[in-house]
Amino acid sequence: MTKKQQKLEVQMQLQAKFLSAIQTCFNEDSENYIDIDEIEQNENMNDLFHVLGTRVPQYIFSKITGQTPDPLEFNHICNKLIFQDRKDTE
């Protein structure tokens, strides 16, 4: 297996674990249930994607690194990571 394939395999495993955990949020029996219909009715879909795409990853980043970037700084960090990942997996 090439280094690129190994990196992609690790990413796929991590993605599967996160998606499995997130999926519980859409299970009506879960204490963490998120009602998508209610989110849509209250026009909060932007909030949902902002939290999933920025706030949650920012929280995880801060817990791991101890750094506390604001959302714009975190976005800059993510852009660097995306660029690095693209270079590593081309």
Protein backbone atom coordinates (compact mmCIF):
# COMPACT_ATOMS: atom_id res chain seq x y z
CA MET A 1 0.00 0.00 0.00
CA THR A 2 1.40 3.39 -0.95
CA LYS A 3 1.75 6.26 1.51
CA LYS A 4 -1.13 8.03 -0.27
CA GLN A 5 -3.35 4.95 0.05
CA GLN A 6 -2.45 4.58 3.74
CA LYS A 7 -3.32 8.22 4.40
CA LEU A 8 -6.66 7.88 2.60
CA GLU A 9 -7.42 4.67 4.51
CA VAL A 10 -6.80 6.39 7.86
CA GLN A 11 -9.03 9.28 6.79
CA MET A 12 -11.81 6.91 5.72
CA GLN A 13 -11.66 5.11 9.08
CA LEU A 14 -11.83 8.38 11.00
CA GLN A 15 -14.67 9.61 8.79
CA ALA A 16 -16.66 6.42 9.43
CA LYS A 17 -16.26 6.79 13.20
CA PHE A 18 -17.32 10.44 13.21
CA LEU A 19 -20.28 9.76 10.92
CA SER A 20 -21.39 6.91 13.15
CA ALA A 21 -21.36 9.20 16.18
CA ILE A 22 -23.09 12.04 14.34
CA GLN A 23 -25.76 9.68 13.02
CA THR A 24 -27.07 9.23 16.57
CA CYS A 25 -28.15 12.88 16.45
CA PHE A 26 -30.76 11.94 13.84
CA ASN A 27 -32.14 8.96 15.80
CA GLU A 28 -35.40 10.00 17.48
CA ASP A 29 -34.63 7.75 20.46
CA SER A 30 -31.30 9.46 21.16
CA GLU A 31 -30.93 12.00 23.94
CA ASN A 32 -28.96 14.05 21.39
CA TYR A 33 -31.74 13.99 18.78
CA ILE A 34 -31.80 16.90 16.34
CA ASP A 35 -35.15 17.39 14.62
CA ILE A 36 -34.27 18.44 11.06
CA ASP A 37 -37.91 19.37 10.31
CA GLU A 38 -37.88 21.79 13.25
CA ILE A 39 -34.52 23.22 12.14
CA GLU A 40 -35.92 23.81 8.64
CA GLN A 41 -39.18 25.31 9.94
CA ASN A 42 -37.28 27.75 12.14
CA GLU A 43 -34.93 28.61 9.25
CA ASN A 44 -31.90 27.46 11.26
CA MET A 45 -30.28 25.29 8.57
CA ASN A 46 -27.38 27.74 8.27
CA ASP A 47 -26.83 27.40 12.01
CA LEU A 48 -26.78 23.60 11.74
CA PHE A 49 -24.13 23.61 9.01
CA HIS A 50 -22.11 26.34 10.73
CA VAL A 51 -21.98 24.28 13.91
CA LEU A 52 -21.12 21.05 12.05
CA GLY A 53 -18.59 22.69 9.74
CA THR A 54 -16.95 25.19 12.08
CA ARG A 55 -17.88 25.12 15.75
CA VAL A 56 -17.55 21.38 16.36
CA PRO A 57 -14.22 20.99 14.49
CA GLN A 58 -12.96 24.16 16.21
CA TYR A 59 -13.86 22.69 19.60
CA ILE A 60 -12.08 19.40 18.80
CA PHE A 61 -9.02 21.31 17.54
CA SER A 62 -8.91 23.36 20.75
CA LYS A 63 -9.24 20.27 22.98
CA ILE A 64 -6.37 18.53 21.17
CA THR A 65 -3.98 21.47 20.75
CA GLY A 66 -4.88 23.79 23.62
CA GLN A 67 -5.10 26.64 21.10
CA THR A 68 -8.25 28.77 21.04
CA PRO A 69 -8.51 30.42 17.62
CA ASP A 70 -11.57 32.49 16.80
CA PRO A 71 -13.76 31.14 13.97
CA LEU A 72 -11.98 33.15 11.26
CA GLU A 73 -8.54 32.06 12.50
CA PHE A 74 -9.76 28.48 12.63
CA ASN A 75 -11.00 28.76 9.06
CA HIS A 76 -7.50 29.84 8.03
CA ILE A 77 -6.03 26.80 9.84
CA CYS A 78 -8.50 24.53 8.03
CA ASN A 79 -7.58 26.02 4.66
CA LYS A 80 -3.92 25.26 5.37
CA LEU A 81 -4.82 21.70 6.36
CA ILE A 82 -6.87 21.21 3.19
CA PHE A 83 -4.01 22.49 1.05
CA GLN A 84 -1.54 20.20 2.87
CA ASP A 85 -3.85 17.21 2.51
CA ARG A 86 -4.26 17.87 -1.21
CA LYS A 87 -0.46 17.94 -1.62
CA ASP A 88 -0.11 14.74 0.40
CA THR A 89 -2.78 12.82 -1.52
CA GLU A 90 -2.09 13.88 -5.11
